[in-house]
Structure formats: C-alpha cells, structure tokens
C-alpha cells in the first residue's frame, strides 16, 4: 500500500489544453428534378455553418461548395448528370441546409444547322 501511495504522489496529472483539430468533411448532397422537370434542386447539408463562410461555384457540369463551422471544414466538387445554366441558379441557406435551384441547359442552345450537299 505504501508503494501505491508513493506512486500516486509522484505521478502528476498534467492538464494540457490542446487546440481542437480541424476536420475536413465532404458534405451530404441530394439532387433531384424540380416539379416541372426542367431543372435541378440540389440540397447540401452544412450543419453549424454560418452563411458568410459558404462559397458556392457552379458551371454547366459541376458544383463546388465550401463552408466552415468551428472545427469543421466542408468541401466538395460534385459532377452534375445533366448540363445546367449556372447564370440562372438561385440559392438559399437556412438552418444548415443550402438549397440550390438551377434550370437545365437548353439542349438545343448551341445547335447549328448543317447544310446537306
């Protein structure tokens, strides 16, 4: 017993305050057709993220999203199955849910008539 008491006296519990480590996470994403089937609705789950930390970029084929919350950094590049018109995209953010509505790109937009010889 005396040995145990000596060991307890000699051992000191050192409390260290380590900085929390940042974790990098790919956000959850859900994509589906809108009711008219002429565009996408994309929902990105970003719990705890403040609106001003969100960066959202899009081209006709891809969606890029970043956001930060305390010790978490969300980020991902997502490929869209159908080309969209990013210039007409609209987004809202509420309670950790980023919702993006974007119309599909007109499939005939860049068509050119070809003369047949």
N, C-alpha and C. Protein backbone atom coordinates (compact mmCIF):
# COMPACT_ATOMS: atom_id res chain seq x y z
N UNK A 1 0.80 -1.18 0.00
CA UNK A 1 0.00 0.00 0.00
C UNK A 1 0.85 1.25 0.00
N UNK A 2 1.96 1.20 0.74
CA UNK A 2 2.81 2.39 0.78
C UNK A 2 3.37 2.69 -0.60
N UNK A 3 3.70 1.63 -1.34
CA UNK A 3 4.25 1.82 -2.68
C UNK A 3 3.22 2.52 -3.58
N UNK A 4 1.98 2.12 -3.46
CA UNK A 4 0.92 2.72 -4.26
C UNK A 4 0.75 4.20 -3.93
N UNK A 5 0.81 4.51 -2.65
CA UNK A 5 0.69 5.91 -2.22
C UNK A 5 1.85 6.73 -2.75
N UNK A 6 3.06 6.16 -2.76
CA UNK A 6 4.23 6.88 -3.28
C UNK A 6 4.09 7.13 -4.78
N UNK A 7 3.60 6.12 -5.49
CA UNK A 7 3.42 6.26 -6.93
C UNK A 7 2.40 7.35 -7.22
N UNK A 8 1.32 7.37 -6.45
CA UNK A 8 0.30 8.38 -6.67
C UNK A 8 0.83 9.78 -6.41
N UNK A 9 1.68 9.91 -5.40
CA UNK A 9 2.25 11.23 -5.09
C UNK A 9 3.19 11.67 -6.19
N UNK A 10 3.97 10.74 -6.72
CA UNK A 10 4.96 11.09 -7.73
C UNK A 10 4.32 11.39 -9.09
N UNK A 11 3.25 10.67 -9.38
CA UNK A 11 2.64 10.91 -10.69
C UNK A 11 1.74 12.13 -10.61
N UNK A 12 1.96 13.03 -11.52
CA UNK A 12 1.15 14.24 -11.58
C UNK A 12 0.30 14.20 -12.85
N UNK A 13 -0.91 14.59 -12.69
CA UNK A 13 -1.77 14.65 -13.87
C UNK A 13 -1.54 15.99 -14.53
N UNK A 14 -1.06 15.93 -15.72
CA UNK A 14 -0.79 17.15 -16.46
C UNK A 14 -1.97 17.46 -17.36
N UNK A 15 -2.56 18.59 -17.12
CA UNK A 15 -3.66 19.02 -17.96
C UNK A 15 -3.11 19.93 -19.05
N UNK A 16 -3.33 19.50 -20.25
CA UNK A 16 -2.88 20.32 -21.38
C UNK A 16 -4.09 20.72 -22.19
N UNK A 17 -4.08 21.92 -22.62
CA UNK A 17 -5.16 22.39 -23.47
C UNK A 17 -4.69 22.35 -24.91
N UNK A 18 -5.10 21.30 -25.59
CA UNK A 18 -4.74 21.17 -26.99
C UNK A 18 -5.77 21.90 -27.84
N UNK A 19 -5.29 22.52 -28.89
CA UNK A 19 -6.22 23.17 -29.81
C UNK A 19 -6.98 22.09 -30.55
N UNK A 20 -8.29 22.27 -30.69
CA UNK A 20 -9.06 21.27 -31.43
C UNK A 20 -8.56 21.18 -32.87
N UNK A 21 -8.50 19.97 -33.38
CA UNK A 21 -8.02 19.77 -34.74
C UNK A 21 -9.16 19.98 -35.73
N UNK A 22 -8.85 20.61 -36.83
CA UNK A 22 -9.84 20.84 -37.87
C UNK A 22 -10.06 19.55 -38.63
N UNK A 23 -11.33 19.21 -38.83
CA UNK A 23 -11.68 18.03 -39.62
C UNK A 23 -12.25 18.49 -40.95
N UNK A 24 -11.88 17.80 -42.01
CA UNK A 24 -12.35 18.12 -43.35
C UNK A 24 -13.39 17.07 -43.75
N UNK A 25 -14.56 17.54 -44.17
CA UNK A 25 -15.67 16.64 -44.45
C UNK A 25 -16.29 16.99 -45.81
N UNK A 26 -16.65 15.96 -46.55
CA UNK A 26 -17.42 16.16 -47.78
C UNK A 26 -18.89 16.26 -47.36
N UNK A 27 -19.58 17.34 -47.71
CA UNK A 27 -20.97 17.48 -47.27
C UNK A 27 -21.90 16.48 -47.95
N UNK A 28 -22.98 16.16 -47.25
CA UNK A 28 -24.01 15.31 -47.85
C UNK A 28 -24.79 16.14 -48.86
N UNK A 29 -25.20 15.48 -49.92
CA UNK A 29 -25.84 16.18 -51.03
C UNK A 29 -26.99 15.35 -51.56
N UNK A 30 -28.05 16.02 -51.94
CA UNK A 30 -29.21 15.36 -52.56
C UNK A 30 -29.61 16.18 -53.78
N UNK A 31 -29.72 15.53 -54.95
CA UNK A 31 -30.10 16.22 -56.18
C UNK A 31 -31.32 15.53 -56.78
N UNK A 32 -32.27 16.34 -57.22
CA UNK A 32 -33.45 15.77 -57.86
C UNK A 32 -34.08 16.80 -58.80
N UNK A 33 -34.92 16.29 -59.72
CA UNK A 33 -35.64 17.17 -60.67
C UNK A 33 -36.63 18.04 -59.92
N UNK A 34 -36.84 19.25 -60.44
CA UNK A 34 -37.91 20.09 -59.89
C UNK A 34 -39.25 19.54 -60.40
N UNK A 35 -40.35 20.14 -59.95
CA UNK A 35 -41.69 19.63 -60.31
C UNK A 35 -41.96 19.67 -61.81
N UNK A 36 -41.41 20.67 -62.51
CA UNK A 36 -41.63 20.80 -63.95
C UNK A 36 -40.66 19.97 -64.77
N UNK A 37 -39.71 19.32 -64.13
CA UNK A 37 -38.66 18.53 -64.78
C UNK A 37 -37.85 19.35 -65.78
N UNK A 38 -37.67 20.65 -65.47
CA UNK A 38 -36.84 21.50 -66.34
C UNK A 38 -35.61 22.04 -65.60
N UNK A 39 -35.31 21.44 -64.46
CA UNK A 39 -34.15 21.88 -63.70
C UNK A 39 -33.92 21.01 -62.47
N UNK A 40 -32.81 21.29 -61.82
CA UNK A 40 -32.39 20.57 -60.61
C UNK A 40 -32.79 21.33 -59.36
N UNK A 41 -33.02 20.58 -58.31
CA UNK A 41 -32.99 21.12 -56.96
C UNK A 41 -31.88 20.36 -56.27
N UNK A 42 -30.94 21.10 -55.73
CA UNK A 42 -29.78 20.49 -55.06
C UNK A 42 -29.80 20.95 -53.62
N UNK A 43 -29.74 19.99 -52.70
CA UNK A 43 -29.71 20.31 -51.27
C UNK A 43 -28.39 19.83 -50.69
N UNK A 44 -27.69 20.75 -50.01
CA UNK A 44 -26.39 20.45 -49.41
C UNK A 44 -26.53 20.64 -47.91
N UNK A 45 -26.19 19.62 -47.14
CA UNK A 45 -26.31 19.68 -45.69
C UNK A 45 -25.00 20.20 -45.10
N UNK A 46 -25.10 21.36 -44.42
CA UNK A 46 -23.93 22.01 -43.82
C UNK A 46 -24.24 22.41 -42.37
N UNK A 47 -24.36 21.45 -41.46
CA UNK A 47 -24.74 21.78 -40.09
C UNK A 47 -23.72 22.66 -39.38
N UNK A 48 -24.22 23.70 -38.71
CA UNK A 48 -23.37 24.58 -37.94
C UNK A 48 -22.62 25.63 -38.73
N UNK A 49 -22.78 25.64 -40.03
CA UNK A 49 -22.05 26.56 -40.90
C UNK A 49 -22.77 27.91 -40.93
N UNK A 50 -21.99 28.97 -40.78
CA UNK A 50 -22.54 30.32 -40.92
C UNK A 50 -22.61 30.67 -42.41
N UNK A 51 -23.67 31.36 -42.79
CA UNK A 51 -23.90 31.70 -44.20
C UNK A 51 -22.71 32.41 -44.84
N UNK A 52 -22.07 33.33 -44.10
CA UNK A 52 -20.98 34.11 -44.69
C UNK A 52 -19.70 33.31 -44.92
N UNK A 53 -19.64 32.04 -44.45
CA UNK A 53 -18.46 31.22 -44.71
C UNK A 53 -18.65 30.30 -45.92
N UNK A 54 -19.84 30.32 -46.48
CA UNK A 54 -20.14 29.42 -47.61
C UNK A 54 -19.64 30.03 -48.92
N UNK A 55 -18.94 29.22 -49.68
CA UNK A 55 -18.50 29.58 -51.03
C UNK A 55 -19.15 28.58 -51.97
N UNK A 56 -19.86 29.10 -52.96
CA UNK A 56 -20.59 28.26 -53.90
C UNK A 56 -20.22 28.67 -55.31
N UNK A 57 -19.79 27.69 -56.10
CA UNK A 57 -19.44 27.94 -57.50
C UNK A 57 -20.09 26.84 -58.34
N UNK A 58 -20.40 27.20 -59.57
CA UNK A 58 -21.06 26.24 -60.44
C UNK A 58 -20.73 26.56 -61.89
N UNK A 59 -20.54 25.51 -62.67
CA UNK A 59 -20.52 25.67 -64.12
C UNK A 59 -21.56 24.72 -64.68
N UNK A 60 -21.62 24.55 -65.96
CA UNK A 60 -22.71 23.75 -66.54
C UNK A 60 -22.65 22.27 -66.13
N UNK A 61 -21.49 21.80 -65.70
CA UNK A 61 -21.32 20.38 -65.39
C UNK A 61 -21.01 20.07 -63.92
N UNK A 62 -20.60 21.07 -63.14
CA UNK A 62 -20.11 20.80 -61.79
C UNK A 62 -20.61 21.82 -60.77
N UNK A 63 -20.62 21.38 -59.52
CA UNK A 63 -20.97 22.21 -58.38
C UNK A 63 -19.82 22.11 -57.38
N UNK A 64 -19.34 23.25 -56.91
CA UNK A 64 -18.28 23.28 -55.91
C UNK A 64 -18.83 24.03 -54.70
N UNK A 65 -18.70 23.44 -53.51
CA UNK A 65 -19.22 24.08 -52.31
C UNK A 65 -18.21 23.93 -51.16
N UNK A 66 -18.02 25.03 -50.42
CA UNK A 66 -17.17 25.06 -49.23
C UNK A 66 -17.93 25.76 -48.11
N UNK A 67 -17.65 25.37 -46.87
CA UNK A 67 -18.24 26.03 -45.72
C UNK A 67 -17.46 25.67 -44.47
N UNK A 68 -17.53 26.53 -43.46
CA UNK A 68 -16.78 26.30 -42.22
C UNK A 68 -17.68 26.41 -41.00
N UNK A 69 -17.42 25.54 -40.01
CA UNK A 69 -18.12 25.56 -38.74
C UNK A 69 -17.14 25.12 -37.65
N UNK A 70 -16.88 25.98 -36.69
CA UNK A 70 -15.97 25.68 -35.57
C UNK A 70 -14.73 24.90 -36.03
N UNK A 71 -14.70 23.60 -35.76
CA UNK A 71 -13.53 22.80 -36.11
C UNK A 71 -13.78 21.92 -37.35
N UNK A 72 -14.79 22.28 -38.12
CA UNK A 72 -15.11 21.51 -39.33
C UNK A 72 -14.98 22.39 -40.57
N UNK A 73 -14.46 21.80 -41.61
CA UNK A 73 -14.44 22.45 -42.91
C UNK A 73 -15.07 21.49 -43.90
N UNK A 74 -16.15 21.96 -44.52
CA UNK A 74 -16.84 21.17 -45.52
C UNK A 74 -16.35 21.59 -46.90
N UNK A 75 -16.25 20.63 -47.80
CA UNK A 75 -15.87 20.98 -49.16
C UNK A 75 -16.05 19.80 -50.09
N UNK A 76 -16.48 20.13 -51.30
CA UNK A 76 -16.63 19.06 -52.28
C UNK A 76 -16.88 19.60 -53.67
N UNK A 77 -16.52 18.79 -54.64
CA UNK A 77 -16.76 19.04 -56.05
C UNK A 77 -17.68 17.92 -56.51
N UNK A 78 -18.83 18.30 -57.04
CA UNK A 78 -19.84 17.31 -57.43
C UNK A 78 -20.16 17.47 -58.91
N UNK A 79 -20.16 16.35 -59.61
CA UNK A 79 -20.48 16.38 -61.03
C UNK A 79 -21.99 16.24 -61.20
N UNK A 80 -22.55 17.05 -62.07
CA UNK A 80 -23.98 17.01 -62.35
C UNK A 80 -24.22 16.08 -63.54
N UNK A 81 -25.30 15.35 -63.52
CA UNK A 81 -25.53 14.39 -64.61
C UNK A 81 -26.02 15.06 -65.88
N UNK A 82 -26.64 16.23 -65.74
CA UNK A 82 -27.16 16.95 -66.91
C UNK A 82 -26.63 18.38 -66.88
N UNK A 83 -26.28 18.94 -68.03
CA UNK A 83 -25.79 20.33 -68.06
C UNK A 83 -26.87 21.30 -67.55
N UNK A 84 -26.42 22.29 -66.78
CA UNK A 84 -27.33 23.30 -66.22
C UNK A 84 -26.90 24.69 -66.65
N UNK A 85 -27.77 25.66 -66.42
CA UNK A 85 -27.48 27.05 -66.71
C UNK A 85 -27.14 27.75 -65.38
N UNK A 86 -25.86 27.81 -65.00
CA UNK A 86 -25.49 28.37 -63.70
C UNK A 86 -25.81 29.86 -63.55
N UNK A 87 -25.94 30.58 -64.66
CA UNK A 87 -26.25 32.01 -64.60
C UNK A 87 -27.67 32.26 -64.09
N UNK A 88 -28.51 31.25 -64.13
CA UNK A 88 -29.89 31.40 -63.66
C UNK A 88 -30.14 30.65 -62.35
N UNK A 89 -29.08 30.22 -61.71
CA UNK A 89 -29.20 29.50 -60.43
C UNK A 89 -29.61 30.44 -59.31
N UNK A 90 -30.41 29.92 -58.38
CA UNK A 90 -30.82 30.66 -57.19
C UNK A 90 -30.53 29.77 -55.99
N UNK A 91 -30.06 30.38 -54.89
CA UNK A 91 -29.78 29.57 -53.71
C UNK A 91 -30.26 30.27 -52.45
N UNK A 92 -30.60 29.44 -51.45
CA UNK A 92 -31.00 29.94 -50.13
C UNK A 92 -30.29 29.07 -49.09
N UNK A 93 -30.12 29.65 -47.90
CA UNK A 93 -29.49 28.90 -46.82
C UNK A 93 -30.26 29.16 -45.54
N UNK A 94 -30.70 28.06 -44.91
CA UNK A 94 -31.46 28.19 -43.66
C UNK A 94 -31.27 26.93 -42.82
N UNK A 95 -30.93 27.13 -41.55
CA UNK A 95 -30.80 26.02 -40.59
C UNK A 95 -29.92 24.88 -41.07
N UNK A 96 -28.77 25.21 -41.65
CA UNK A 96 -27.81 24.18 -42.07
C UNK A 96 -28.11 23.53 -43.41
N UNK A 97 -29.11 24.03 -44.13
CA UNK A 97 -29.45 23.45 -45.42
C UNK A 97 -29.30 24.49 -46.53
N UNK A 98 -28.37 24.22 -47.43
CA UNK A 98 -28.16 25.06 -48.60
C UNK A 98 -28.98 24.46 -49.73
N UNK A 99 -29.91 25.25 -50.27
CA UNK A 99 -30.79 24.77 -51.34
C UNK A 99 -30.51 25.57 -52.60
N UNK A 100 -30.23 24.87 -53.68
CA UNK A 100 -29.90 25.49 -54.96
C UNK A 100 -30.91 25.03 -55.99
N UNK A 101 -31.49 25.98 -56.71
CA UNK A 101 -32.40 25.66 -57.81
C UNK A 101 -31.76 26.20 -59.08
N UNK A 102 -31.61 25.32 -60.06
CA UNK A 102 -30.94 25.71 -61.29
C UNK A 102 -31.61 25.00 -62.47
N UNK A 103 -31.91 25.77 -63.54
CA UNK A 103 -32.55 25.14 -64.71
C UNK A 103 -31.54 24.35 -65.54
N UNK A 104 -32.05 23.34 -66.20
CA UNK A 104 -31.21 22.60 -67.14
C UNK A 104 -30.84 23.51 -68.30
N UNK A 105 -29.71 23.26 -68.89
CA UNK A 105 -29.29 24.00 -70.08
C UNK A 105 -30.11 23.51 -71.26
N UNK A 106 -30.57 24.42 -72.09
CA UNK A 106 -31.34 24.06 -73.27
C UNK A 106 -30.47 23.18 -74.16
N UNK A 107 -30.94 21.97 -74.39
CA UNK A 107 -30.16 21.01 -75.18
C UNK A 107 -29.92 21.49 -76.60
N UNK A 108 -30.78 22.36 -77.11
CA UNK A 108 -30.64 22.84 -78.49
C UNK A 108 -29.99 24.21 -78.58
N UNK A 109 -29.50 24.72 -77.46
CA UNK A 109 -28.97 26.08 -77.42
C UNK A 109 -27.83 26.33 -78.42
N UNK A 110 -26.89 25.46 -78.48
CA UNK A 110 -25.71 25.67 -79.34
C UNK A 110 -25.78 24.88 -80.64
N UNK A 111 -26.97 24.54 -81.05
CA UNK A 111 -27.07 23.76 -82.29
C UNK A 111 -26.87 24.67 -83.51
N UNK A 112 -26.31 24.08 -84.50
CA UNK A 112 -26.04 24.78 -85.75
C UNK A 112 -26.66 23.96 -86.87
N UNK A 113 -27.32 24.62 -87.77
CA UNK A 113 -27.90 23.90 -88.91
C UNK A 113 -26.78 23.58 -89.89
N UNK A 114 -26.79 22.33 -90.33
CA UNK A 114 -25.76 21.85 -91.24
C UNK A 114 -26.39 21.69 -92.64
N UNK A 115 -25.73 22.29 -93.61
CA UNK A 115 -26.20 22.19 -94.98
C UNK A 115 -25.88 20.80 -95.52
N UNK A 116 -26.86 20.23 -96.17
CA UNK A 116 -26.67 18.90 -96.74
C UNK A 116 -26.39 19.08 -98.25
N UNK A 117 -25.32 18.49 -98.70
CA UNK A 117 -24.91 18.59 -100.11
C UNK A 117 -25.45 17.46 -100.93
